[in-house]
Protein backbone atom coordinates (compact mmCIF):
# COMPACT_ATOMS: atom_id res chain seq x y z
CA MET A 1 0.00 0.00 0.00
CA THR A 2 1.50 3.31 -1.04
CA GLU A 3 0.55 6.43 0.79
CA ASP A 4 1.44 10.00 -0.14
CA THR A 5 2.39 12.19 2.78
CA HIS A 6 2.57 15.96 2.33
CA ILE A 7 4.85 17.89 4.67
CA CYS A 8 5.85 21.52 4.08
CA GLY A 9 4.98 21.31 0.39
CA THR A 10 7.10 18.16 -0.15
CA THR A 11 5.60 14.82 -1.04
CA PHE A 12 7.05 11.73 0.62
CA MET A 13 6.13 8.39 -0.91
CA ARG A 14 5.99 5.71 1.73
CA ASP A 15 5.14 2.06 1.30
CA VAL A 16 4.08 1.42 4.88
CA GLN A 17 4.19 -2.37 4.61
CA ALA A 18 7.72 -2.29 3.12
CA LEU A 19 8.79 0.04 5.91
CA ARG A 20 7.39 -2.36 8.51
CA ASP A 21 9.01 -5.36 6.82
CA ARG A 22 12.45 -3.66 6.72
CA ALA A 23 12.13 -2.77 10.41
CA ARG A 24 11.56 -6.44 11.25
CA GLN A 25 14.19 -7.86 8.89
CA HIS A 26 17.38 -7.11 10.81
CA ILE A 27 15.97 -6.63 14.28
CA ALA A 28 19.15 -7.87 16.02
CA LEU A 29 21.11 -4.95 14.58
CA GLY A 30 19.30 -2.43 16.79
CA MET A 31 19.68 1.04 15.32
CA ALA A 32 22.48 0.02 12.92
CA MET A 33 20.19 -0.95 10.07
CA PRO A 34 21.52 -1.95 6.63
CA ALA A 35 20.42 1.46 5.32
CA TYR A 36 23.00 3.19 7.58
CA ARG A 37 24.63 5.58 5.12
CA ALA A 38 28.07 6.24 6.63
CA ASP A 39 30.94 3.79 6.26
CA LYS A 40 30.57 1.95 9.58
CA GLN A 41 34.20 0.86 9.84
CA VAL A 42 35.46 4.38 9.19
CA ALA A 43 32.88 5.78 11.60
CA ILE A 44 33.97 3.39 14.36
CA ALA A 45 37.65 4.15 13.70
CA LEU A 46 37.04 7.90 13.90
CA LEU A 47 35.04 7.55 17.09
CA ASN A 48 37.75 5.35 18.63
CA THR A 49 40.35 8.02 17.82
CA ALA A 50 38.12 10.62 19.49
CA LEU A 51 37.66 8.24 22.44
CA ALA A 52 41.43 7.88 22.89
CA THR A 53 41.80 11.66 22.70
CA GLU A 54 39.10 12.25 25.30
CA LEU A 55 40.55 9.64 27.67
CA LEU A 56 44.01 11.18 27.40
CA CYS A 57 42.50 14.61 28.11
CA VAL A 58 40.76 13.16 31.19
CA LEU A 59 44.14 12.00 32.48
CA ARG A 60 45.92 15.26 31.59
CA TYR A 61 43.36 17.48 33.26
CA ARG A 62 43.15 15.22 36.30
CA GLN A 63 46.94 15.12 36.71
CA HIS A 64 47.18 18.88 36.25
CA SER A 65 44.41 19.43 38.80
CA LEU A 66 46.41 17.48 41.38
CA VAL A 67 49.83 19.08 40.85
CA ALA A 68 48.81 22.68 40.12
CA SER A 69 50.48 25.04 42.55
CA GLY A 70 50.76 28.77 43.05
CA ILE A 71 48.72 31.65 44.31
CA THR A 72 45.84 31.13 41.85
CA ALA A 73 46.23 27.35 41.61
CA GLU A 74 43.26 26.32 43.74
CA ALA A 75 40.63 27.84 41.44
CA ILE A 76 42.44 26.69 38.29
CA ALA A 77 42.90 23.16 39.66
CA ALA A 78 39.17 23.06 40.36
CA GLU A 79 38.49 24.13 36.74
CA PHE A 80 40.85 21.41 35.46
CA LEU A 81 38.89 18.85 37.48
CA VAL A 82 35.60 20.08 35.99
CA HIS A 83 37.11 19.78 32.50
CA SER A 84 38.37 16.27 33.31
CA ASN A 85 34.89 15.17 34.35
CA GLU A 86 33.34 16.67 31.22
CA GLU A 87 35.93 14.92 29.03
CA LEU A 88 35.05 11.66 30.77
CA ALA A 89 31.38 12.23 29.95
CA HIS A 90 32.41 12.75 26.30
CA ALA A 91 34.37 9.49 26.39
CA ASP A 92 31.32 7.68 27.71
CA LEU A 93 29.14 9.08 24.91
CA LEU A 94 31.68 8.11 22.26
CA ALA A 95 32.11 4.59 23.65
CA GLN A 96 28.37 4.10 23.81
CA ARG A 97 27.96 5.23 20.20
CA ILE A 98 30.74 2.88 19.06
CA VAL A 99 28.85 -0.01 20.65
CA GLU A 100 25.58 1.14 19.04
CA LEU A 101 27.31 1.02 15.66
CA GLY A 102 28.45 -2.55 16.30
CA GLY A 103 32.04 -1.72 17.22
CA LYS A 104 34.22 -2.18 20.27
CA PRO A 105 35.48 0.84 22.22
CA GLU A 106 39.28 0.68 22.28
CA MET A 107 40.42 1.58 25.79
CA ASP A 108 43.69 -0.32 26.10
CA PRO A 109 45.92 1.92 28.25
CA ALA A 110 49.03 0.47 26.59
CA THR A 111 48.11 2.03 23.23
CA LEU A 112 46.02 4.99 24.33
CA SER A 113 48.65 7.66 23.68
CA THR A 114 49.47 6.31 20.20
CA ARG A 115 45.79 6.45 19.19
CA SER A 116 45.11 9.89 20.64
CA GLN A 117 45.38 13.08 18.64
CA VAL A 118 46.72 14.94 21.68
CA GLU A 119 49.83 14.25 23.69
CA TYR A 120 50.01 13.46 27.36
CA VAL A 121 52.12 16.24 28.81
CA GLU A 122 53.20 16.43 32.44
CA ILE A 123 54.05 20.00 33.37
CA ASP A 124 54.83 21.61 36.69
CA GLN A 125 54.24 25.28 35.77
CA LEU A 126 50.62 26.43 36.03
CA HIS A 127 50.78 28.81 33.05
CA ALA A 128 52.27 26.04 30.88
CA MET A 129 49.52 23.64 31.99
CA ILE A 130 46.85 26.09 30.87
CA ARG A 131 48.65 26.66 27.58
CA GLU A 132 49.11 22.93 26.82
CA ASN A 133 45.50 22.20 27.71
CA LEU A 134 44.43 24.97 25.36
CA VAL A 135 46.52 23.38 22.60
CA ALA A 136 44.80 20.04 23.28
CA GLU A 137 41.37 21.69 23.16
CA ARG A 138 42.19 23.36 19.85
CA ILE A 139 43.25 19.98 18.42
CA ALA A 140 40.00 18.43 19.66
CA ILE A 141 37.94 21.28 18.21
CA GLU A 142 39.49 20.92 14.78
CA SER A 143 39.11 17.13 14.89
CA TYR A 144 35.45 17.30 15.90
CA ARG A 145 34.73 19.79 13.11
CA GLU A 146 36.24 17.37 10.58
CA MET A 147 34.27 14.44 12.01
CA ILE A 148 31.04 16.44 11.94
CA GLU A 149 31.67 17.12 8.26
CA PHE A 150 32.34 13.39 7.64
CA PHE A 151 29.10 12.28 9.32
CA GLY A 152 27.09 15.12 7.76
CA ASP A 153 23.74 13.80 6.62
CA HIS A 154 24.96 10.20 6.63
CA ASP A 155 24.56 9.77 10.40
CA SER A 156 22.67 12.61 12.01
CA THR A 157 22.67 10.99 15.47
CA THR A 158 26.47 10.81 15.62
CA ARG A 159 26.78 14.26 14.05
CA MET A 160 24.52 15.82 16.70
CA MET A 161 26.41 14.06 19.50
CA LEU A 162 29.70 15.40 18.11
CA GLU A 163 28.23 18.91 17.74
CA ASN A 164 27.30 18.86 21.44
CA ILE A 165 30.76 17.65 22.40
CA LEU A 166 32.29 20.33 20.16
CA ALA A 167 30.29 23.03 21.95
CA THR A 168 31.77 21.92 25.28
CA GLU A 169 35.28 21.79 23.83
CA GLU A 170 34.88 25.34 22.52
CA GLU A 171 33.70 26.41 25.97
CA HIS A 172 36.79 24.77 27.52
CA ALA A 173 39.04 26.63 25.08
CA ASN A 174 37.40 29.96 25.90
CA GLU A 175 37.78 29.30 29.64
CA LEU A 176 41.45 28.43 29.17
CA VAL A 177 42.04 31.62 27.18
CA ASP A 178 40.46 33.54 30.07
CA LEU A 179 42.75 31.76 32.54
CA LEU A 180 45.80 32.64 30.43
CA THR A 181 44.94 36.33 30.66
CA MET A 182 44.46 36.30 34.45
């Protein structure tokens, strides 16, 4: 049975029975239906790279929050800890999406730094910590923008997740710039 649906002046042809049949066909795949338009292996690889980057940022921020010292260190260390927790939330979102796409989140600590786009940098000067974290945020921002472009209209769910993560990364960068000027 074919049914015409009119929305905002556009006609959508929908064979309701075919739609129902396709939904039942590959039920074990969950959301990752055969009609998924992005290259799944590339998508999973990109998300695993982002996951490694987020996990390394969690560790960087956490380490910096513990060793920060100086007259303004307490407030900055607290901000580093907030950023660490937000990066961990990003890692959780990425890992969950990898699983939804049928992949395996790669969290092996032995290879984490080689898969990450940012470096793990231990620094003992507060100003240098802020600067290096800003560099890491700028790398993440550029990477997320490229991934958003890759997913485009092929996977709107992943794209929207990445756009939300990007917004937080941009916020982190702005906060770090403010800290540099203090």
